[in-house]
Amino acid sequence: MHGVVDGFAPDLVLDYHHQVTYATPDGRMVTMSVLWSTHPDVAPEVAADGKRAAAVVGDALADNPRSNLTLYPRSDTASTARNGLGLDGYPTLLLEQRGQQEAGQKGAGPLIREAQTAMESIAGSLADGSFAAVDPARADLLPERGAKVDPPC
């Protein structure tokens, strides 16, 4: 993986995954959780770009009543992609989205559009130059992810 990334030298790495169902304390289902490089040895400017990406996604999804963006629980483990790549100088953003397993099923459209919106918002801000002006501290304002919701039996 590192060889591929080194070959492309990306400005930002988006690391998409599926997460099971979580809910915020107010009972809303979490649709996506994000987190940037948090290892203490990641250069501050590298972590800041990951936080900018999280803020851009937050802005893009803010007006979507079906989206509920939260922070992924913090882990400073160097062997995770977001931290390992961050230690190598590549800004990263982990995006854990609920429902990726249902992508081909009826009703998955809103989750697919949410993922597309997240990707397009980041790509657009990088392309038009607005990404650099995003305040990374805004990412810290995203709510914490709530508790896991067990599926009905």
N, C-alpha and C. Protein backbone atom coordinates (compact mmCIF):
# COMPACT_ATOMS: atom_id res chain seq x y z
N MET A 1 0.82 -1.19 0.00
CA MET A 1 0.00 0.00 0.00
C MET A 1 0.87 1.26 0.00
N HIS A 2 1.88 1.27 0.85
CA HIS A 2 2.74 2.45 0.92
C HIS A 2 3.44 2.71 -0.42
N GLY A 3 3.83 1.65 -1.12
CA GLY A 3 4.47 1.81 -2.42
C GLY A 3 3.55 2.46 -3.43
N VAL A 4 2.29 2.05 -3.42
CA VAL A 4 1.31 2.64 -4.33
C VAL A 4 1.11 4.12 -3.99
N VAL A 5 0.94 4.40 -2.71
CA VAL A 5 0.73 5.79 -2.29
C VAL A 5 1.96 6.63 -2.64
N ASP A 6 3.14 6.12 -2.35
CA ASP A 6 4.37 6.86 -2.68
C ASP A 6 4.46 7.14 -4.18
N GLY A 7 4.01 6.19 -5.00
CA GLY A 7 4.07 6.37 -6.45
C GLY A 7 3.17 7.49 -6.95
N PHE A 8 2.06 7.71 -6.24
CA PHE A 8 1.13 8.77 -6.65
C PHE A 8 1.37 10.08 -5.91
N ALA A 9 1.95 10.01 -4.71
CA ALA A 9 2.17 11.20 -3.86
C ALA A 9 0.92 12.07 -3.80
N PRO A 10 -0.19 11.54 -3.26
CA PRO A 10 -1.45 12.29 -3.24
C PRO A 10 -1.41 13.48 -2.27
N ASP A 11 -2.24 14.46 -2.54
CA ASP A 11 -2.40 15.59 -1.64
C ASP A 11 -3.18 15.18 -0.40
N LEU A 12 -4.03 14.16 -0.55
CA LEU A 12 -4.89 13.71 0.54
C LEU A 12 -5.31 12.28 0.25
N VAL A 13 -5.36 11.44 1.29
CA VAL A 13 -5.82 10.07 1.15
C VAL A 13 -7.16 9.94 1.88
N LEU A 14 -8.19 9.49 1.17
CA LEU A 14 -9.48 9.20 1.77
C LEU A 14 -9.58 7.69 1.94
N ASP A 15 -9.83 7.25 3.15
CA ASP A 15 -9.84 5.83 3.50
C ASP A 15 -11.27 5.45 3.89
N TYR A 16 -12.03 4.91 2.92
CA TYR A 16 -13.43 4.56 3.14
C TYR A 16 -13.58 3.16 3.70
N HIS A 17 -14.47 3.01 4.68
CA HIS A 17 -14.79 1.72 5.29
C HIS A 17 -16.27 1.67 5.65
N HIS A 18 -16.72 0.48 6.00
CA HIS A 18 -18.08 0.27 6.49
C HIS A 18 -18.04 0.17 8.01
N GLN A 19 -18.98 0.83 8.66
CA GLN A 19 -19.13 0.63 10.11
C GLN A 19 -20.54 0.12 10.37
N VAL A 20 -20.68 -0.61 11.44
CA VAL A 20 -22.01 -1.09 11.82
C VAL A 20 -22.83 0.10 12.29
N THR A 21 -24.02 -0.15 12.77
CA THR A 21 -24.94 0.93 13.12
C THR A 21 -24.67 1.48 14.52
N TYR A 22 -24.56 2.80 14.58
CA TYR A 22 -24.40 3.53 15.83
C TYR A 22 -25.47 4.61 15.88
N ALA A 23 -25.76 5.08 17.09
CA ALA A 23 -26.71 6.18 17.26
C ALA A 23 -26.12 7.21 18.21
N THR A 24 -26.43 8.46 17.96
CA THR A 24 -26.01 9.52 18.86
C THR A 24 -26.91 9.50 20.09
N PRO A 25 -26.52 10.16 21.16
CA PRO A 25 -27.33 10.14 22.39
C PRO A 25 -28.77 10.60 22.20
N ASP A 26 -29.03 11.44 21.18
CA ASP A 26 -30.40 11.89 20.93
C ASP A 26 -31.21 10.87 20.12
N GLY A 27 -30.61 9.72 19.82
CA GLY A 27 -31.31 8.64 19.13
C GLY A 27 -31.19 8.64 17.62
N ARG A 28 -30.51 9.63 17.04
CA ARG A 28 -30.34 9.66 15.59
C ARG A 28 -29.31 8.63 15.15
N MET A 29 -29.61 7.93 14.06
CA MET A 29 -28.68 6.95 13.52
C MET A 29 -27.49 7.67 12.89
N VAL A 30 -26.29 7.20 13.19
CA VAL A 30 -25.07 7.75 12.60
C VAL A 30 -24.93 7.18 11.20
N THR A 31 -24.74 8.04 10.21
CA THR A 31 -24.57 7.56 8.84
C THR A 31 -23.10 7.53 8.42
N MET A 32 -22.28 8.40 9.04
CA MET A 32 -20.85 8.43 8.69
C MET A 32 -20.07 8.97 9.88
N SER A 33 -18.89 8.39 10.10
CA SER A 33 -17.96 8.88 11.12
C SER A 33 -16.62 9.12 10.46
N VAL A 34 -15.93 10.19 10.87
CA VAL A 34 -14.66 10.56 10.26
C VAL A 34 -13.59 10.80 11.33
N LEU A 35 -12.33 10.60 10.92
CA LEU A 35 -11.20 10.94 11.79
C LEU A 35 -9.94 11.05 10.93
N TRP A 36 -9.09 11.96 11.30
CA TRP A 36 -7.84 12.27 10.62
C TRP A 36 -6.69 11.59 11.37
N SER A 37 -5.47 11.82 10.95
CA SER A 37 -4.30 11.27 11.64
C SER A 37 -4.20 11.89 13.03
N THR A 38 -4.15 11.04 14.05
CA THR A 38 -4.10 11.53 15.42
C THR A 38 -2.85 11.09 16.18
N HIS A 39 -1.98 10.33 15.53
CA HIS A 39 -0.74 9.90 16.20
C HIS A 39 0.03 11.15 16.61
N PRO A 40 0.60 11.18 17.82
CA PRO A 40 1.28 12.40 18.29
C PRO A 40 2.50 12.80 17.47
N ASP A 41 3.08 11.88 16.69
CA ASP A 41 4.25 12.22 15.89
C ASP A 41 3.92 12.66 14.47
N VAL A 42 2.64 12.72 14.12
CA VAL A 42 2.25 13.22 12.80
C VAL A 42 2.47 14.73 12.80
N ALA A 43 3.09 15.24 11.74
CA ALA A 43 3.34 16.67 11.63
C ALA A 43 2.02 17.44 11.74
N PRO A 44 1.99 18.51 12.51
CA PRO A 44 0.74 19.27 12.70
C PRO A 44 0.08 19.71 11.40
N GLU A 45 0.87 20.09 10.40
CA GLU A 45 0.26 20.54 9.13
C GLU A 45 -0.38 19.37 8.37
N VAL A 46 0.15 18.16 8.56
CA VAL A 46 -0.43 16.97 7.93
C VAL A 46 -1.77 16.65 8.59
N ALA A 47 -1.80 16.64 9.92
CA ALA A 47 -3.05 16.40 10.65
C ALA A 47 -4.07 17.49 10.32
N ALA A 48 -3.61 18.72 10.19
CA ALA A 48 -4.53 19.83 9.91
C ALA A 48 -5.24 19.64 8.57
N ASP A 49 -4.55 19.12 7.57
CA ASP A 49 -5.21 18.88 6.28
C ASP A 49 -6.27 17.79 6.40
N GLY A 50 -6.04 16.77 7.20
CA GLY A 50 -7.07 15.76 7.44
C GLY A 50 -8.28 16.37 8.13
N LYS A 51 -8.02 17.26 9.09
CA LYS A 51 -9.10 17.94 9.78
C LYS A 51 -9.86 18.88 8.83
N ARG A 52 -9.15 19.53 7.93
CA ARG A 52 -9.82 20.37 6.92
C ARG A 52 -10.79 19.52 6.10
N ALA A 53 -10.33 18.34 5.70
CA ALA A 53 -11.19 17.45 4.91
C ALA A 53 -12.44 17.07 5.71
N ALA A 54 -12.29 16.79 7.00
CA ALA A 54 -13.45 16.46 7.84
C ALA A 54 -14.42 17.64 7.90
N ALA A 55 -13.89 18.85 8.03
CA ALA A 55 -14.74 20.04 8.08
C ALA A 55 -15.47 20.25 6.75
N VAL A 56 -14.79 20.00 5.64
CA VAL A 56 -15.42 20.13 4.32
C VAL A 56 -16.58 19.14 4.19
N VAL A 57 -16.37 17.91 4.62
CA VAL A 57 -17.43 16.90 4.57
C VAL A 57 -18.59 17.33 5.48
N GLY A 58 -18.26 17.83 6.66
CA GLY A 58 -19.31 18.30 7.57
C GLY A 58 -20.16 19.39 6.94
N ASP A 59 -19.52 20.34 6.27
CA ASP A 59 -20.26 21.41 5.60
C ASP A 59 -21.14 20.85 4.48
N ALA A 60 -20.59 19.93 3.71
CA ALA A 60 -21.31 19.38 2.56
C ALA A 60 -22.55 18.59 2.99
N LEU A 61 -22.48 17.95 4.14
CA LEU A 61 -23.59 17.10 4.60
C LEU A 61 -24.54 17.81 5.56
N ALA A 62 -24.19 19.01 5.99
CA ALA A 62 -24.94 19.71 7.03
C ALA A 62 -26.42 19.92 6.69
N ASP A 63 -26.72 20.16 5.45
CA ASP A 63 -28.11 20.44 5.06
C ASP A 63 -28.88 19.19 4.64
N ASN A 64 -28.25 18.03 4.74
CA ASN A 64 -28.90 16.78 4.36
C ASN A 64 -29.53 16.15 5.61
N PRO A 65 -30.85 16.15 5.73
CA PRO A 65 -31.48 15.62 6.95
C PRO A 65 -31.27 14.12 7.15
N ARG A 66 -30.87 13.42 6.10
CA ARG A 66 -30.62 11.97 6.23
C ARG A 66 -29.20 11.67 6.70
N SER A 67 -28.33 12.66 6.66
CA SER A 67 -26.94 12.45 7.07
C SER A 67 -26.76 12.83 8.52
N ASN A 68 -25.94 12.06 9.21
CA ASN A 68 -25.59 12.34 10.59
C ASN A 68 -24.11 12.01 10.75
N LEU A 69 -23.27 13.02 10.62
CA LEU A 69 -21.82 12.88 10.65
C LEU A 69 -21.31 13.03 12.07
N THR A 70 -20.44 12.11 12.48
CA THR A 70 -19.84 12.15 13.81
C THR A 70 -18.34 11.89 13.71
N LEU A 71 -17.67 12.05 14.84
CA LEU A 71 -16.25 11.69 14.92
C LEU A 71 -16.11 10.20 15.17
N TYR A 72 -15.17 9.59 14.49
CA TYR A 72 -14.81 8.20 14.76
C TYR A 72 -13.99 8.21 16.05
N PRO A 73 -14.12 7.19 16.90
CA PRO A 73 -13.35 7.18 18.15
C PRO A 73 -11.84 7.24 17.90
N ARG A 74 -11.18 8.08 18.66
CA ARG A 74 -9.74 8.33 18.49
C ARG A 74 -8.91 7.12 18.87
N SER A 75 -7.92 6.87 18.05
CA SER A 75 -6.90 5.85 18.30
C SER A 75 -5.60 6.39 17.73
N ASP A 76 -4.53 6.30 18.49
CA ASP A 76 -3.24 6.83 18.04
C ASP A 76 -2.31 5.74 17.52
N THR A 77 -2.82 4.55 17.29
CA THR A 77 -2.03 3.42 16.82
C THR A 77 -1.37 3.74 15.48
N ALA A 78 -0.06 3.56 15.42
CA ALA A 78 0.70 3.89 14.20
C ALA A 78 0.40 2.96 13.04
N SER A 79 -0.11 1.77 13.31
CA SER A 79 -0.31 0.79 12.25
C SER A 79 -1.63 0.95 11.50
N THR A 80 -2.50 1.89 11.91
CA THR A 80 -3.70 2.14 11.12
C THR A 80 -3.31 2.95 9.89
N ALA A 81 -4.07 2.84 8.84
CA ALA A 81 -3.74 3.54 7.60
C ALA A 81 -3.66 5.05 7.82
N ARG A 82 -4.66 5.61 8.50
CA ARG A 82 -4.68 7.07 8.65
C ARG A 82 -3.48 7.57 9.45
N ASN A 83 -3.06 6.83 10.45
CA ASN A 83 -1.89 7.26 11.22
C ASN A 83 -0.58 6.90 10.53
N GLY A 84 -0.49 5.70 9.97
CA GLY A 84 0.73 5.30 9.29
C GLY A 84 1.05 6.19 8.10
N LEU A 85 0.03 6.46 7.29
CA LEU A 85 0.24 7.36 6.15
C LEU A 85 0.51 8.78 6.62
N GLY A 86 -0.15 9.19 7.69
CA GLY A 86 0.12 10.50 8.26
C GLY A 86 1.56 10.63 8.74
N LEU A 87 2.08 9.57 9.34
CA LEU A 87 3.48 9.58 9.78
C LEU A 87 4.43 9.67 8.59
N ASP A 88 3.97 9.18 7.43
CA ASP A 88 4.78 9.29 6.21
C ASP A 88 4.58 10.63 5.50
N GLY A 89 3.77 11.51 6.08
CA GLY A 89 3.59 12.85 5.51
C GLY A 89 2.39 13.02 4.62
N TYR A 90 1.52 12.02 4.56
CA TYR A 90 0.32 12.11 3.72
C TYR A 90 -0.90 12.42 4.58
N PRO A 91 -1.57 13.53 4.34
CA PRO A 91 -2.81 13.81 5.07
C PRO A 91 -3.84 12.74 4.73
N THR A 92 -4.56 12.30 5.75
CA THR A 92 -5.56 11.24 5.54
C THR A 92 -6.85 11.59 6.26
N LEU A 93 -7.93 11.03 5.76
CA LEU A 93 -9.21 11.10 6.44
C LEU A 93 -9.87 9.73 6.34
N LEU A 94 -10.14 9.16 7.48
CA LEU A 94 -10.91 7.92 7.57
C LEU A 94 -12.38 8.30 7.50
N LEU A 95 -13.12 7.60 6.64
CA LEU A 95 -14.57 7.79 6.54
C LEU A 95 -15.21 6.42 6.72
N GLU A 96 -15.88 6.26 7.83
CA GLU A 96 -16.58 5.00 8.14
C GLU A 96 -18.06 5.27 7.90
N GLN A 97 -18.63 4.55 6.94
CA GLN A 97 -20.02 4.81 6.57
C GLN A 97 -20.89 3.60 6.84
N ARG A 98 -22.02 3.85 7.41
CA ARG A 98 -23.01 2.81 7.64
C ARG A 98 -23.65 2.45 6.30
N GLY A 99 -23.96 1.18 6.11
CA GLY A 99 -24.76 0.77 4.97
C GLY A 99 -24.02 0.43 3.71
N GLN A 100 -22.70 0.41 3.71
CA GLN A 100 -21.99 0.07 2.48
C GLN A 100 -22.30 -1.34 2.02
N GLN A 101 -22.63 -2.21 2.95
CA GLN A 101 -22.95 -3.59 2.58
C GLN A 101 -24.27 -3.66 1.81
N GLU A 102 -25.11 -2.64 1.96
CA GLU A 102 -26.40 -2.62 1.29
C GLU A 102 -26.37 -1.83 -0.02
N ALA A 103 -25.18 -1.50 -0.53
CA ALA A 103 -25.05 -0.58 -1.66
C ALA A 103 -25.89 -0.99 -2.87
N GLY A 104 -26.06 -2.27 -3.12
CA GLY A 104 -26.83 -2.71 -4.28
C GLY A 104 -28.28 -2.97 -3.97
N GLN A 105 -28.71 -2.72 -2.75
CA GLN A 105 -30.07 -3.03 -2.34
C GLN A 105 -30.98 -1.81 -2.41
N LYS A 106 -32.26 -2.08 -2.46
CA LYS A 106 -33.26 -1.01 -2.47
C LYS A 106 -33.09 -0.15 -1.22
N GLY A 107 -33.18 1.15 -1.37
CA GLY A 107 -33.07 2.05 -0.24
C GLY A 107 -31.66 2.52 0.06
N ALA A 108 -30.68 2.03 -0.69
CA ALA A 108 -29.28 2.41 -0.42
C ALA A 108 -28.91 3.73 -1.09
N GLY A 109 -29.76 4.26 -1.93
CA GLY A 109 -29.45 5.48 -2.67
C GLY A 109 -28.97 6.64 -1.81
N PRO A 110 -29.66 6.96 -0.69
CA PRO A 110 -29.20 8.08 0.12
C PRO A 110 -27.79 7.90 0.67
N LEU A 111 -27.42 6.69 1.02
CA LEU A 111 -26.07 6.45 1.54
C LEU A 111 -25.03 6.56 0.44
N ILE A 112 -25.39 6.11 -0.76
CA ILE A 112 -24.47 6.24 -1.89
C ILE A 112 -24.28 7.72 -2.22
N ARG A 113 -25.37 8.48 -2.21
CA ARG A 113 -25.27 9.92 -2.48
C ARG A 113 -24.46 10.62 -1.39
N GLU A 114 -24.59 10.18 -0.16
CA GLU A 114 -23.81 10.76 0.94
C GLU A 114 -22.31 10.55 0.70
N ALA A 115 -21.92 9.34 0.32
CA ALA A 115 -20.51 9.07 0.03
C ALA A 115 -20.04 9.90 -1.15
N GLN A 116 -20.86 9.99 -2.18
CA GLN A 116 -20.51 10.79 -3.36
C GLN A 116 -20.36 12.26 -2.99
N THR A 117 -21.27 12.77 -2.18
CA THR A 117 -21.20 14.16 -1.75
C THR A 117 -19.92 14.42 -0.98
N ALA A 118 -19.56 13.50 -0.08
CA ALA A 118 -18.34 13.67 0.70
C ALA A 118 -17.11 13.73 -0.22
N MET A 119 -17.02 12.79 -1.14
CA MET A 119 -15.87 12.75 -2.06
C MET A 119 -15.82 13.99 -2.95
N GLU A 120 -16.96 14.34 -3.52
CA GLU A 120 -16.99 15.49 -4.44
C GLU A 120 -16.71 16.80 -3.72
N SER A 121 -17.16 16.92 -2.47
CA SER A 121 -16.91 18.17 -1.74
C SER A 121 -15.42 18.36 -1.48
N ILE A 122 -14.74 17.28 -1.13
CA ILE A 122 -13.29 17.38 -0.88
C ILE A 122 -12.56 17.65 -2.19
N ALA A 123 -12.88 16.87 -3.22
CA ALA A 123 -12.22 17.07 -4.52
C ALA A 123 -12.45 18.48 -5.04
N GLY A 124 -13.67 18.97 -4.91
CA GLY A 124 -13.98 20.32 -5.38
C GLY A 124 -13.22 21.40 -4.63
N SER A 125 -13.11 21.24 -3.32
CA SER A 125 -12.40 22.25 -2.54
C SER A 125 -10.90 22.23 -2.82
N LEU A 126 -10.36 21.05 -3.11
CA LEU A 126 -8.95 20.98 -3.50
C LEU A 126 -8.76 21.62 -4.87
N ALA A 127 -9.69 21.36 -5.78
CA ALA A 127 -9.57 21.88 -7.15
C ALA A 127 -9.73 23.39 -7.23
N ASP A 128 -10.65 23.95 -6.44
CA ASP A 128 -10.89 25.40 -6.55
C ASP A 128 -10.03 26.22 -5.60
N GLY A 129 -9.22 25.56 -4.79
CA GLY A 129 -8.31 26.26 -3.89
C GLY A 129 -8.90 26.66 -2.56
N SER A 130 -10.18 26.39 -2.32
CA SER A 130 -10.81 26.79 -1.06
C SER A 130 -10.40 25.90 0.12
N PHE A 131 -9.86 24.72 -0.17
CA PHE A 131 -9.47 23.77 0.88
C PHE A 131 -8.49 24.41 1.87
N ALA A 132 -7.49 25.13 1.38
CA ALA A 132 -6.46 25.71 2.24
C ALA A 132 -7.02 26.74 3.21
N ALA A 133 -8.15 27.35 2.90
CA ALA A 133 -8.74 28.38 3.76
C ALA A 133 -9.65 27.81 4.84
N VAL A 134 -9.94 26.50 4.80
CA VAL A 134 -10.83 25.88 5.78
C VAL A 134 -10.12 25.83 7.13
N ASP A 135 -10.80 26.25 8.17
CA ASP A 135 -10.25 26.22 9.52
C ASP A 135 -10.30 24.79 10.05
N PRO A 136 -9.14 24.15 10.28
CA PRO A 136 -9.14 22.75 10.73
C PRO A 136 -9.79 22.57 12.10
N ALA A 137 -9.82 23.61 12.92
CA ALA A 137 -10.43 23.50 14.25
C ALA A 137 -11.93 23.20 14.17
N ARG A 138 -12.55 23.51 13.04
CA ARG A 138 -13.98 23.21 12.90
C ARG A 138 -14.26 21.72 12.97
N ALA A 139 -13.30 20.88 12.60
CA ALA A 139 -13.50 19.43 12.67
C ALA A 139 -13.71 18.97 14.11
N ASP A 140 -13.10 19.67 15.04
CA ASP A 140 -13.26 19.31 16.45
C ASP A 140 -14.67 19.54 16.97
N LEU A 141 -15.48 20.26 16.23
CA LEU A 141 -16.86 20.55 16.63
C LEU A 141 -17.83 19.44 16.26
N LEU A 142 -17.37 18.48 15.46
CA LEU A 142 -18.25 17.36 15.11
C LEU A 142 -18.58 16.57 16.37
N PRO A 143 -19.81 16.07 16.48
CA PRO A 143 -20.19 15.33 17.69
C PRO A 143 -19.52 13.96 17.75
N GLU A 144 -19.38 13.46 18.96
CA GLU A 144 -18.84 12.12 19.17
C GLU A 144 -19.84 11.09 18.66
N ARG A 145 -19.30 9.96 18.18
CA ARG A 145 -20.16 8.86 17.75
C ARG A 145 -20.79 8.24 18.99
N GLY A 146 -22.02 7.84 18.89
CA GLY A 146 -22.72 7.26 20.02
C GLY A 146 -22.49 5.76 20.14
N ALA A 147 -23.40 5.12 20.83
CA ALA A 147 -23.30 3.70 21.12
C ALA A 147 -23.76 2.85 19.95
N LYS A 148 -23.21 1.64 19.90
CA LYS A 148 -23.61 0.68 18.87
C LYS A 148 -25.06 0.28 19.08
N VAL A 149 -25.75 0.15 17.96
CA VAL A 149 -27.16 -0.27 17.99
C VAL A 149 -27.20 -1.70 17.49
N ASP A 150 -27.66 -2.61 18.33
CA ASP A 150 -27.75 -4.01 17.91
C ASP A 150 -28.93 -4.20 16.97
N PRO A 151 -28.71 -4.96 15.90
CA PRO A 151 -29.82 -5.18 14.97
C PRO A 151 -30.89 -6.03 15.64
N PRO A 152 -32.14 -5.84 15.22
CA PRO A 152 -33.21 -6.66 15.80
C PRO A 152 -33.03 -8.14 15.45
N CYS A 153 -33.44 -9.00 16.35
CA CYS A 153 -33.31 -10.45 16.12
C CYS A 153 -34.37 -10.96 15.19
